[in-house]
Amino acid sequence: TEVTSGTQVGRMYFSSVPDAMLSLFLRGTLPDMSDFVYANSADSPVFGVFLVLYILLSYLTVMNMLVGILVEVVGVVAKTEKEQAVVKQVRQNMMGVLKDFGEVCGNEETMMNEEMFSALLSTPRCARSIQELGVDVFAIVDLRELIFAHGDIAFGNFMEIILQMRGSNQATVKDIVDLRKLIISELAHT
């Protein structure tokens, strides 16, 4: 107030210490609402205080919602990246085991058969990797005949089948339709 005394700005915004504090608070933190607050608090200072509290509460609510959205997005992205890293590690482990057996040249088009499948699951490294994905290894062994019902499959397709068997996956309409088709085809063959 002393620095601006005798000036137009001093008389308008900083005429006293309380006016200076109010001006700095409203014009500094709520510049869009300051004229509205001044107009309403001219008649009733109590109403002005409640209006400022309401504005601050609404700003705080919106800010917290935005922070919540950001935290949720970061969580989803982190979960997705972690899952992709685990899937990549499982792929590399399986390809490494198949290379150790001399069965594969190391690409997604390599054809898998039941013997290669058994060899994969007999190694602890691959079995642990598959379990890390949330897939029950014993259930996969039981479904071996279903996986290879139409003969050999490409390694990429094999990995997709493995990923579809995770316990964390939710059943979709497509899954129900596929189950229905499978049951109809099995009943037709019997």
N, C-alpha and C. Protein backbone atom coordinates (compact mmCIF):
# COMPACT_ATOMS: atom_id res chain seq x y z
N THR A 1 0.83 -1.20 0.00
CA THR A 1 0.00 0.00 0.00
C THR A 1 0.86 1.26 0.00
N GLU A 2 2.04 1.21 0.64
CA GLU A 2 2.91 2.37 0.69
C GLU A 2 3.54 2.65 -0.67
N VAL A 3 3.89 1.59 -1.40
CA VAL A 3 4.54 1.76 -2.70
C VAL A 3 3.60 2.40 -3.70
N THR A 4 2.32 2.05 -3.63
CA THR A 4 1.35 2.55 -4.62
C THR A 4 0.52 3.72 -4.09
N SER A 5 0.85 4.26 -2.93
CA SER A 5 0.04 5.36 -2.39
C SER A 5 0.16 6.57 -3.29
N GLY A 6 -0.97 7.22 -3.50
CA GLY A 6 -1.03 8.41 -4.34
C GLY A 6 -1.15 8.11 -5.82
N THR A 7 -1.25 6.83 -6.21
CA THR A 7 -1.40 6.48 -7.63
C THR A 7 -2.82 5.97 -7.87
N GLN A 8 -3.17 5.95 -9.13
CA GLN A 8 -4.50 5.45 -9.53
C GLN A 8 -4.67 3.98 -9.11
N VAL A 9 -3.63 3.18 -9.32
CA VAL A 9 -3.69 1.75 -8.96
C VAL A 9 -3.81 1.61 -7.46
N GLY A 10 -3.08 2.42 -6.70
CA GLY A 10 -3.13 2.35 -5.25
C GLY A 10 -4.51 2.65 -4.72
N ARG A 11 -5.14 3.71 -5.28
CA ARG A 11 -6.50 4.06 -4.83
C ARG A 11 -7.51 3.00 -5.24
N MET A 12 -7.28 2.35 -6.40
CA MET A 12 -8.25 1.39 -6.90
C MET A 12 -8.14 0.02 -6.21
N TYR A 13 -6.91 -0.49 -6.03
CA TYR A 13 -6.73 -1.85 -5.54
C TYR A 13 -6.07 -1.95 -4.17
N PHE A 14 -5.27 -0.98 -3.77
CA PHE A 14 -4.46 -1.10 -2.56
C PHE A 14 -4.66 0.05 -1.59
N SER A 15 -5.90 0.49 -1.38
CA SER A 15 -6.15 1.64 -0.51
C SER A 15 -5.88 1.32 0.96
N SER A 16 -6.04 0.08 1.36
CA SER A 16 -5.73 -0.34 2.73
C SER A 16 -5.16 -1.75 2.68
N VAL A 17 -4.63 -2.21 3.80
CA VAL A 17 -4.05 -3.54 3.83
C VAL A 17 -5.11 -4.61 3.54
N PRO A 18 -6.30 -4.57 4.15
CA PRO A 18 -7.31 -5.58 3.79
C PRO A 18 -7.72 -5.51 2.31
N ASP A 19 -7.85 -4.29 1.77
CA ASP A 19 -8.18 -4.17 0.34
C ASP A 19 -7.06 -4.72 -0.53
N ALA A 20 -5.82 -4.49 -0.14
CA ALA A 20 -4.68 -5.01 -0.90
C ALA A 20 -4.68 -6.54 -0.87
N MET A 21 -4.93 -7.11 0.31
CA MET A 21 -4.97 -8.57 0.42
C MET A 21 -6.11 -9.15 -0.43
N LEU A 22 -7.27 -8.51 -0.37
CA LEU A 22 -8.41 -8.97 -1.15
C LEU A 22 -8.14 -8.85 -2.65
N SER A 23 -7.55 -7.73 -3.05
CA SER A 23 -7.23 -7.53 -4.48
C SER A 23 -6.22 -8.55 -4.97
N LEU A 24 -5.17 -8.77 -4.19
CA LEU A 24 -4.17 -9.75 -4.61
C LEU A 24 -4.76 -11.15 -4.67
N PHE A 25 -5.62 -11.48 -3.68
CA PHE A 25 -6.22 -12.81 -3.66
C PHE A 25 -7.17 -13.00 -4.85
N LEU A 26 -8.12 -12.06 -5.01
CA LEU A 26 -9.11 -12.23 -6.07
C LEU A 26 -8.52 -12.04 -7.46
N ARG A 27 -7.75 -10.99 -7.66
CA ARG A 27 -7.20 -10.73 -8.99
C ARG A 27 -6.06 -11.69 -9.33
N GLY A 28 -5.39 -12.20 -8.30
CA GLY A 28 -4.28 -13.12 -8.55
C GLY A 28 -4.71 -14.56 -8.73
N THR A 29 -5.70 -15.00 -7.94
CA THR A 29 -6.10 -16.41 -8.01
C THR A 29 -7.38 -16.64 -8.80
N LEU A 30 -8.28 -15.68 -8.79
CA LEU A 30 -9.56 -15.83 -9.49
C LEU A 30 -9.80 -14.64 -10.42
N PRO A 31 -8.94 -14.40 -11.39
CA PRO A 31 -9.09 -13.18 -12.20
C PRO A 31 -10.40 -13.13 -12.98
N ASP A 32 -10.93 -14.27 -13.41
CA ASP A 32 -12.18 -14.26 -14.17
C ASP A 32 -13.38 -13.97 -13.28
N MET A 33 -13.29 -14.29 -12.01
CA MET A 33 -14.42 -14.16 -11.11
C MET A 33 -14.33 -12.92 -10.21
N SER A 34 -13.22 -12.22 -10.25
CA SER A 34 -13.03 -11.13 -9.29
C SER A 34 -14.08 -10.03 -9.42
N ASP A 35 -14.42 -9.63 -10.63
CA ASP A 35 -15.44 -8.58 -10.80
C ASP A 35 -16.79 -9.05 -10.28
N PHE A 36 -17.13 -10.31 -10.52
CA PHE A 36 -18.38 -10.88 -10.03
C PHE A 36 -18.41 -10.88 -8.50
N VAL A 37 -17.31 -11.26 -7.88
CA VAL A 37 -17.24 -11.30 -6.41
C VAL A 37 -17.32 -9.89 -5.86
N TYR A 38 -16.60 -8.93 -6.45
CA TYR A 38 -16.66 -7.54 -5.99
C TYR A 38 -18.08 -6.99 -6.09
N ALA A 39 -18.76 -7.27 -7.20
CA ALA A 39 -20.11 -6.75 -7.39
C ALA A 39 -21.07 -7.32 -6.35
N ASN A 40 -20.95 -8.60 -6.04
CA ASN A 40 -21.86 -9.23 -5.09
C ASN A 40 -21.50 -8.92 -3.64
N SER A 41 -20.22 -8.70 -3.36
CA SER A 41 -19.84 -8.41 -1.97
C SER A 41 -20.01 -6.93 -1.63
N ALA A 42 -20.30 -6.09 -2.61
CA ALA A 42 -20.52 -4.67 -2.33
C ALA A 42 -21.77 -4.50 -1.46
N ASP A 43 -22.81 -5.30 -1.73
CA ASP A 43 -24.03 -5.22 -0.93
C ASP A 43 -23.92 -5.99 0.37
N SER A 44 -23.29 -7.15 0.33
CA SER A 44 -23.21 -7.99 1.52
C SER A 44 -21.85 -8.69 1.55
N PRO A 45 -20.94 -8.27 2.42
CA PRO A 45 -19.62 -8.92 2.51
C PRO A 45 -19.73 -10.40 2.89
N VAL A 46 -20.74 -10.76 3.66
CA VAL A 46 -20.93 -12.17 4.03
C VAL A 46 -21.22 -13.00 2.79
N PHE A 47 -22.08 -12.47 1.91
CA PHE A 47 -22.37 -13.17 0.66
C PHE A 47 -21.11 -13.29 -0.19
N GLY A 48 -20.28 -12.27 -0.18
CA GLY A 48 -19.01 -12.31 -0.92
C GLY A 48 -18.10 -13.41 -0.41
N VAL A 49 -18.04 -13.58 0.92
CA VAL A 49 -17.21 -14.64 1.51
C VAL A 49 -17.74 -16.01 1.10
N PHE A 50 -19.07 -16.19 1.18
CA PHE A 50 -19.65 -17.48 0.78
C PHE A 50 -19.44 -17.74 -0.72
N LEU A 51 -19.53 -16.69 -1.51
CA LEU A 51 -19.31 -16.83 -2.95
C LEU A 51 -17.88 -17.26 -3.24
N VAL A 52 -16.91 -16.67 -2.57
CA VAL A 52 -15.50 -17.06 -2.75
C VAL A 52 -15.29 -18.50 -2.31
N LEU A 53 -15.88 -18.89 -1.19
CA LEU A 53 -15.75 -20.28 -0.73
C LEU A 53 -16.36 -21.26 -1.73
N TYR A 54 -17.52 -20.89 -2.27
CA TYR A 54 -18.16 -21.74 -3.27
C TYR A 54 -17.29 -21.88 -4.52
N ILE A 55 -16.74 -20.76 -4.99
CA ILE A 55 -15.89 -20.79 -6.19
C ILE A 55 -14.65 -21.64 -5.93
N LEU A 56 -14.00 -21.45 -4.78
CA LEU A 56 -12.81 -22.23 -4.46
C LEU A 56 -13.13 -23.72 -4.35
N LEU A 57 -14.27 -24.04 -3.73
CA LEU A 57 -14.67 -25.44 -3.60
C LEU A 57 -14.93 -26.06 -4.97
N SER A 58 -15.59 -25.32 -5.85
CA SER A 58 -15.86 -25.87 -7.19
C SER A 58 -14.57 -26.03 -7.99
N TYR A 59 -13.65 -25.07 -7.88
CA TYR A 59 -12.35 -25.21 -8.55
C TYR A 59 -11.59 -26.41 -8.01
N LEU A 60 -11.62 -26.59 -6.71
CA LEU A 60 -10.92 -27.71 -6.09
C LEU A 60 -11.53 -29.05 -6.53
N THR A 61 -12.84 -29.09 -6.64
CA THR A 61 -13.51 -30.31 -7.08
C THR A 61 -13.11 -30.67 -8.51
N VAL A 62 -13.13 -29.69 -9.38
CA VAL A 62 -12.77 -29.93 -10.78
C VAL A 62 -11.30 -30.34 -10.87
N MET A 63 -10.44 -29.68 -10.10
CA MET A 63 -9.02 -30.02 -10.11
C MET A 63 -8.81 -31.45 -9.63
N ASN A 64 -9.51 -31.86 -8.58
CA ASN A 64 -9.37 -33.22 -8.08
C ASN A 64 -9.88 -34.25 -9.09
N MET A 65 -10.94 -33.92 -9.80
CA MET A 65 -11.44 -34.83 -10.84
C MET A 65 -10.40 -34.99 -11.94
N LEU A 66 -9.79 -33.90 -12.35
CA LEU A 66 -8.76 -33.97 -13.39
C LEU A 66 -7.55 -34.77 -12.91
N VAL A 67 -7.15 -34.57 -11.67
CA VAL A 67 -6.04 -35.34 -11.13
C VAL A 67 -6.42 -36.82 -11.08
N GLY A 68 -7.63 -37.13 -10.69
CA GLY A 68 -8.09 -38.51 -10.66
C GLY A 68 -8.05 -39.15 -12.04
N ILE A 69 -8.48 -38.41 -13.05
CA ILE A 69 -8.45 -38.92 -14.42
C ILE A 69 -7.02 -39.17 -14.86
N LEU A 70 -6.13 -38.24 -14.56
CA LEU A 70 -4.72 -38.41 -14.92
C LEU A 70 -4.11 -39.62 -14.24
N VAL A 71 -4.40 -39.80 -12.96
CA VAL A 71 -3.87 -40.96 -12.23
C VAL A 71 -4.40 -42.25 -12.84
N GLU A 72 -5.67 -42.27 -13.19
CA GLU A 72 -6.26 -43.47 -13.80
C GLU A 72 -5.61 -43.78 -15.14
N VAL A 73 -5.40 -42.76 -15.96
CA VAL A 73 -4.76 -42.96 -17.27
C VAL A 73 -3.33 -43.48 -17.10
N VAL A 74 -2.59 -42.89 -16.18
CA VAL A 74 -1.22 -43.34 -15.95
C VAL A 74 -1.23 -44.79 -15.45
N GLY A 75 -2.17 -45.14 -14.60
CA GLY A 75 -2.27 -46.52 -14.11
C GLY A 75 -2.57 -47.50 -15.23
N VAL A 76 -3.48 -47.14 -16.12
CA VAL A 76 -3.83 -48.02 -17.24
C VAL A 76 -2.65 -48.18 -18.18
N VAL A 77 -1.96 -47.07 -18.47
CA VAL A 77 -0.80 -47.14 -19.36
C VAL A 77 0.29 -48.00 -18.74
N ALA A 78 0.53 -47.83 -17.45
CA ALA A 78 1.56 -48.64 -16.77
C ALA A 78 1.20 -50.12 -16.80
N LYS A 79 -0.07 -50.42 -16.55
CA LYS A 79 -0.51 -51.82 -16.57
C LYS A 79 -0.36 -52.42 -17.96
N THR A 80 -0.72 -51.66 -18.98
CA THR A 80 -0.61 -52.13 -20.36
C THR A 80 0.84 -52.37 -20.74
N GLU A 81 1.71 -51.43 -20.37
CA GLU A 81 3.13 -51.60 -20.69
C GLU A 81 3.74 -52.78 -19.95
N LYS A 82 3.33 -52.98 -18.70
CA LYS A 82 3.84 -54.12 -17.93
C LYS A 82 3.38 -55.42 -18.58
N GLU A 83 2.13 -55.47 -18.99
CA GLU A 83 1.60 -56.67 -19.62
C GLU A 83 2.32 -56.95 -20.94
N GLN A 84 2.57 -55.91 -21.72
CA GLN A 84 3.29 -56.09 -22.98
C GLN A 84 4.70 -56.60 -22.74
N ALA A 85 5.34 -56.10 -21.68
CA ALA A 85 6.69 -56.56 -21.36
C ALA A 85 6.68 -58.04 -20.96
N VAL A 86 5.67 -58.45 -20.20
CA VAL A 86 5.58 -59.85 -19.79
C VAL A 86 5.33 -60.74 -21.01
N VAL A 87 4.43 -60.31 -21.90
CA VAL A 87 4.13 -61.09 -23.11
C VAL A 87 5.40 -61.21 -23.97
N LYS A 88 6.13 -60.12 -24.10
CA LYS A 88 7.37 -60.14 -24.88
C LYS A 88 8.38 -61.10 -24.26
N GLN A 89 8.48 -61.08 -22.94
CA GLN A 89 9.40 -61.99 -22.25
C GLN A 89 9.01 -63.44 -22.45
N VAL A 90 7.71 -63.73 -22.39
CA VAL A 90 7.24 -65.10 -22.62
C VAL A 90 7.56 -65.54 -24.04
N ARG A 91 7.31 -64.66 -25.00
CA ARG A 91 7.64 -64.99 -26.39
C ARG A 91 9.13 -65.33 -26.53
N GLN A 92 9.96 -64.46 -25.95
CA GLN A 92 11.39 -64.67 -26.06
C GLN A 92 11.81 -65.98 -25.38
N ASN A 93 11.25 -66.26 -24.22
CA ASN A 93 11.56 -67.51 -23.52
C ASN A 93 11.18 -68.72 -24.36
N MET A 94 9.98 -68.68 -24.94
CA MET A 94 9.51 -69.81 -25.73
C MET A 94 10.36 -69.98 -26.99
N MET A 95 10.66 -68.88 -27.65
CA MET A 95 11.49 -68.96 -28.85
C MET A 95 12.88 -69.47 -28.50
N GLY A 96 13.41 -69.03 -27.35
CA GLY A 96 14.72 -69.50 -26.92
C GLY A 96 14.73 -71.00 -26.67
N VAL A 97 13.70 -71.49 -26.02
CA VAL A 97 13.62 -72.93 -25.75
C VAL A 97 13.50 -73.70 -27.06
N LEU A 98 12.68 -73.20 -27.97
CA LEU A 98 12.52 -73.89 -29.25
C LEU A 98 13.84 -73.86 -30.05
N LYS A 99 14.59 -72.77 -29.96
CA LYS A 99 15.89 -72.71 -30.63
C LYS A 99 16.86 -73.69 -30.00
N ASP A 100 16.79 -73.81 -28.66
CA ASP A 100 17.66 -74.78 -27.99
C ASP A 100 17.39 -76.20 -28.47
N PHE A 101 16.13 -76.49 -28.78
CA PHE A 101 15.78 -77.81 -29.29
C PHE A 101 16.09 -77.93 -30.78
N GLY A 102 16.49 -76.81 -31.41
CA GLY A 102 16.80 -76.83 -32.83
C GLY A 102 15.57 -76.96 -33.69
N GLU A 103 14.42 -76.54 -33.14
CA GLU A 103 13.15 -76.75 -33.84
C GLU A 103 12.71 -75.53 -34.64
N VAL A 104 13.28 -74.38 -34.38
CA VAL A 104 12.67 -73.17 -34.92
C VAL A 104 13.74 -72.22 -35.43
N CYS A 105 13.36 -71.45 -36.42
CA CYS A 105 14.29 -70.45 -36.95
C CYS A 105 14.08 -69.11 -36.26
N GLY A 106 13.06 -68.98 -35.43
CA GLY A 106 12.92 -67.78 -34.61
C GLY A 106 12.00 -66.70 -35.15
N ASN A 107 10.93 -67.06 -35.83
CA ASN A 107 9.98 -66.04 -36.26
C ASN A 107 8.55 -66.47 -35.93
N GLU A 108 7.63 -65.56 -36.18
CA GLU A 108 6.22 -65.79 -35.83
C GLU A 108 5.55 -66.81 -36.75
N GLU A 109 6.15 -67.09 -37.88
CA GLU A 109 5.54 -68.00 -38.86
C GLU A 109 5.95 -69.46 -38.64
N THR A 110 6.83 -69.70 -37.71
CA THR A 110 7.26 -71.07 -37.42
C THR A 110 6.05 -71.91 -37.01
N MET A 111 5.95 -73.07 -37.60
CA MET A 111 4.80 -73.93 -37.33
C MET A 111 5.04 -74.74 -36.06
N MET A 112 4.04 -74.74 -35.19
CA MET A 112 4.09 -75.49 -33.93
C MET A 112 3.27 -76.76 -34.08
N ASN A 113 3.79 -77.86 -33.52
CA ASN A 113 3.02 -79.11 -33.48
C ASN A 113 2.93 -79.56 -32.02
N GLU A 114 2.26 -80.67 -31.79
CA GLU A 114 2.05 -81.15 -30.42
C GLU A 114 3.36 -81.52 -29.73
N GLU A 115 4.31 -82.05 -30.48
CA GLU A 115 5.59 -82.42 -29.88
C GLU A 115 6.34 -81.19 -29.40
N MET A 116 6.36 -80.14 -30.23
CA MET A 116 7.02 -78.90 -29.83
C MET A 116 6.31 -78.29 -28.62
N PHE A 117 5.00 -78.39 -28.63
CA PHE A 117 4.20 -77.89 -27.51
C PHE A 117 4.58 -78.60 -26.22
N SER A 118 4.68 -79.93 -26.29
CA SER A 118 5.06 -80.71 -25.11
C SER A 118 6.47 -80.35 -24.66
N ALA A 119 7.35 -80.14 -25.62
CA ALA A 119 8.73 -79.77 -25.27
C ALA A 119 8.77 -78.41 -24.57
N LEU A 120 7.94 -77.48 -25.04
CA LEU A 120 7.89 -76.16 -24.41
C LEU A 120 7.43 -76.27 -22.96
N LEU A 121 6.35 -76.98 -22.75
CA LEU A 121 5.78 -77.05 -21.41
C LEU A 121 6.59 -77.93 -20.45
N SER A 122 7.48 -78.75 -21.00
CA SER A 122 8.30 -79.58 -20.12
C SER A 122 9.48 -78.81 -19.54
N THR A 123 9.77 -77.64 -20.08
CA THR A 123 10.87 -76.83 -19.53
C THR A 123 10.31 -75.90 -18.46
N PRO A 124 10.95 -75.85 -17.30
CA PRO A 124 10.47 -75.00 -16.21
C PRO A 124 10.42 -73.52 -16.59
N ARG A 125 11.38 -73.08 -17.39
CA ARG A 125 11.42 -71.66 -17.78
C ARG A 125 10.15 -71.25 -18.52
N CYS A 126 9.72 -72.06 -19.48
CA CYS A 126 8.50 -71.74 -20.23
C CYS A 126 7.25 -71.89 -19.37
N ALA A 127 7.22 -72.91 -18.55
CA ALA A 127 6.05 -73.13 -17.69
C ALA A 127 5.87 -71.95 -16.73
N ARG A 128 6.99 -71.47 -16.14
CA ARG A 128 6.90 -70.30 -15.25
C ARG A 128 6.47 -69.06 -16.01
N SER A 129 7.00 -68.90 -17.22
CA SER A 129 6.64 -67.72 -18.03
C SER A 129 5.15 -67.71 -18.35
N ILE A 130 4.63 -68.88 -18.68
CA ILE A 130 3.20 -68.96 -19.00
C ILE A 130 2.36 -68.69 -17.76
N GLN A 131 2.82 -69.19 -16.61
CA GLN A 131 2.09 -68.92 -15.36
C GLN A 131 2.13 -67.44 -15.01
N GLU A 132 3.23 -66.74 -15.34
CA GLU A 132 3.32 -65.30 -15.09
C GLU A 132 2.27 -64.53 -15.88
N LEU A 133 1.87 -65.08 -17.01
CA LEU A 133 0.81 -64.46 -17.80
C LEU A 133 -0.56 -64.65 -17.17
N GLY A 134 -0.65 -65.54 -16.21
CA GLY A 134 -1.94 -65.82 -15.59
C GLY A 134 -2.67 -66.97 -16.27
N VAL A 135 -1.91 -67.82 -16.95
CA VAL A 135 -2.48 -68.97 -17.66
C VAL A 135 -2.17 -70.22 -16.85
N ASP A 136 -3.19 -71.06 -16.68
CA ASP A 136 -3.02 -72.33 -15.97
C ASP A 136 -2.35 -73.33 -16.92
N VAL A 137 -1.12 -73.71 -16.60
CA VAL A 137 -0.35 -74.60 -17.47
C VAL A 137 -1.04 -75.96 -17.59
N PHE A 138 -1.60 -76.46 -16.49
CA PHE A 138 -2.25 -77.77 -16.53
C PHE A 138 -3.49 -77.73 -17.43
N ALA A 139 -4.19 -76.60 -17.44
CA ALA A 139 -5.36 -76.47 -18.33
C ALA A 139 -4.94 -76.47 -19.79
N ILE A 140 -3.80 -75.87 -20.08
CA ILE A 140 -3.31 -75.86 -21.47
C ILE A 140 -2.96 -77.28 -21.91
N VAL A 141 -2.35 -78.03 -21.02
CA VAL A 141 -2.00 -79.41 -21.35
C VAL A 141 -3.28 -80.19 -21.65
N ASP A 142 -4.32 -79.96 -20.86
CA ASP A 142 -5.59 -80.66 -21.09
C ASP A 142 -6.24 -80.23 -22.40
N LEU A 143 -5.98 -79.01 -22.84
CA LEU A 143 -6.59 -78.49 -24.07
C LEU A 143 -5.70 -78.70 -25.30
N ARG A 144 -4.63 -79.45 -25.16
CA ARG A 144 -3.68 -79.66 -26.26
C ARG A 144 -4.39 -80.17 -27.51
N GLU A 145 -5.29 -81.13 -27.35
CA GLU A 145 -5.97 -81.70 -28.51
C GLU A 145 -6.86 -80.66 -29.20
N LEU A 146 -7.46 -79.79 -28.41
CA LEU A 146 -8.29 -78.74 -28.99
C LEU A 146 -7.44 -77.70 -29.71
N ILE A 147 -6.29 -77.35 -29.13
CA ILE A 147 -5.42 -76.34 -29.74
C ILE A 147 -4.92 -76.83 -31.10
N PHE A 148 -4.55 -78.10 -31.18
CA PHE A 148 -3.99 -78.66 -32.41
C PHE A 148 -5.00 -79.52 -33.16
N ALA A 149 -6.28 -79.23 -33.01
CA ALA A 149 -7.33 -80.03 -33.65
C ALA A 149 -7.23 -79.98 -35.17
N HIS A 150 -6.77 -78.85 -35.71
CA HIS A 150 -6.69 -78.71 -37.17
C HIS A 150 -5.26 -78.84 -37.66
N GLY A 151 -4.40 -79.46 -36.87
CA GLY A 151 -3.01 -79.67 -37.28
C GLY A 151 -2.09 -78.61 -36.69
N ASP A 152 -0.95 -78.44 -37.34
CA ASP A 152 0.05 -77.50 -36.86
C ASP A 152 -0.47 -76.06 -36.98
N ILE A 153 0.01 -75.20 -36.06
CA ILE A 153 -0.38 -73.79 -36.10
C ILE A 153 0.88 -72.94 -36.03
N ALA A 154 0.79 -71.73 -36.57
CA ALA A 154 1.93 -70.82 -36.53
C ALA A 154 2.19 -70.38 -35.09
N PHE A 155 3.46 -70.07 -34.79
CA PHE A 155 3.83 -69.68 -33.43
C PHE A 155 3.07 -68.43 -33.00
N GLY A 156 2.87 -67.48 -33.91
CA GLY A 156 2.10 -66.27 -33.58
C GLY A 156 0.67 -66.60 -33.17
N ASN A 157 0.05 -67.51 -33.90
CA ASN A 157 -1.31 -67.93 -33.55
C ASN A 157 -1.32 -68.70 -32.24
N PHE A 158 -0.29 -69.49 -32.01
CA PHE A 158 -0.16 -70.23 -30.76
C PHE A 158 -0.10 -69.25 -29.58
N MET A 159 0.69 -68.19 -29.72
CA MET A 159 0.79 -67.19 -28.65
C MET A 159 -0.55 -66.49 -28.42
N GLU A 160 -1.30 -66.23 -29.48
CA GLU A 160 -2.62 -65.61 -29.33
C GLU A 160 -3.55 -66.54 -28.55
N ILE A 161 -3.48 -67.83 -28.84
CA ILE A 161 -4.31 -68.81 -28.11
C ILE A 161 -3.92 -68.81 -26.64
N ILE A 162 -2.62 -68.80 -26.36
CA ILE A 162 -2.14 -68.79 -24.97
C ILE A 162 -2.65 -67.53 -24.27
N LEU A 163 -2.57 -66.39 -24.92
CA LEU A 163 -3.00 -65.13 -24.31
C LEU A 163 -4.51 -65.11 -24.08
N GLN A 164 -5.26 -65.80 -24.91
CA GLN A 164 -6.71 -65.87 -24.72
C GLN A 164 -7.09 -66.73 -23.53
N MET A 165 -6.18 -67.55 -23.06
CA MET A 165 -6.48 -68.47 -21.96
C MET A 165 -6.09 -67.91 -20.60
N ARG A 166 -5.78 -66.63 -20.54
CA ARG A 166 -5.44 -66.04 -19.24
C ARG A 166 -6.67 -65.96 -18.36
N GLY A 167 -6.47 -66.18 -17.10
CA GLY A 167 -7.58 -66.14 -16.15
C GLY A 167 -8.13 -64.74 -15.95
N SER A 168 -7.35 -63.73 -16.26
CA SER A 168 -7.81 -62.35 -16.06
C SER A 168 -8.68 -61.85 -17.21
N ASN A 169 -8.75 -62.61 -18.31
CA ASN A 169 -9.59 -62.20 -19.44
C ASN A 169 -11.07 -62.34 -19.08
N GLN A 170 -11.86 -61.42 -19.58
CA GLN A 170 -13.30 -61.51 -19.37
C GLN A 170 -13.93 -62.19 -20.58
N ALA A 171 -14.98 -62.92 -20.33
CA ALA A 171 -15.69 -63.58 -21.43
C ALA A 171 -16.41 -62.53 -22.26
N THR A 172 -16.32 -62.66 -23.57
CA THR A 172 -16.99 -61.72 -24.48
C THR A 172 -18.05 -62.47 -25.27
N VAL A 173 -18.83 -61.73 -26.00
CA VAL A 173 -19.86 -62.34 -26.85
C VAL A 173 -19.19 -63.23 -27.89
N LYS A 174 -18.05 -62.80 -28.42
CA LYS A 174 -17.32 -63.61 -29.40
C LYS A 174 -16.94 -64.97 -28.79
N ASP A 175 -16.51 -64.97 -27.53
CA ASP A 175 -16.15 -66.23 -26.88
C ASP A 175 -17.36 -67.16 -26.78
N ILE A 176 -18.51 -66.61 -26.46
CA ILE A 176 -19.72 -67.42 -26.36
C ILE A 176 -20.12 -67.96 -27.72
N VAL A 177 -20.00 -67.15 -28.75
CA VAL A 177 -20.33 -67.59 -30.11
C VAL A 177 -19.36 -68.69 -30.54
N ASP A 178 -18.06 -68.51 -30.25
CA ASP A 178 -17.08 -69.54 -30.59
C ASP A 178 -17.38 -70.84 -29.85
N LEU A 179 -17.76 -70.75 -28.59
CA LEU A 179 -18.12 -71.94 -27.81
C LEU A 179 -19.34 -72.63 -28.42
N ARG A 180 -20.30 -71.84 -28.82
CA ARG A 180 -21.51 -72.41 -29.44
C ARG A 180 -21.15 -73.15 -30.73
N LYS A 181 -20.31 -72.53 -31.57
CA LYS A 181 -19.89 -73.18 -32.81
C LYS A 181 -19.14 -74.48 -32.53
N LEU A 182 -18.28 -74.46 -31.52
CA LEU A 182 -17.51 -75.65 -31.16
C LEU A 182 -18.43 -76.77 -30.71
N ILE A 183 -19.40 -76.44 -29.87
CA ILE A 183 -20.33 -77.47 -29.38
C ILE A 183 -21.15 -78.04 -30.53
N ILE A 184 -21.61 -77.19 -31.42
CA ILE A 184 -22.41 -77.66 -32.57
C ILE A 184 -21.56 -78.57 -33.45
N SER A 185 -20.29 -78.17 -33.71
CA SER A 185 -19.44 -79.00 -34.57
C SER A 185 -19.11 -80.33 -33.91
N GLU A 186 -18.91 -80.32 -32.58
CA GLU A 186 -18.63 -81.57 -31.88
C GLU A 186 -19.85 -82.48 -31.86
N LEU A 187 -21.02 -81.91 -31.69
CA LEU A 187 -22.24 -82.72 -31.72
C LEU A 187 -22.52 -83.27 -33.10
N ALA A 188 -22.14 -82.52 -34.13
CA ALA A 188 -22.35 -82.99 -35.51
C ALA A 188 -21.41 -84.16 -35.84
N HIS A 189 -20.22 -84.19 -35.22
CA HIS A 189 -19.25 -85.26 -35.49
C HIS A 189 -19.57 -86.54 -34.73
N THR A 190 -20.42 -86.47 -33.73
CA THR A 190 -20.72 -87.67 -32.94
C THR A 190 -21.99 -88.36 -33.39
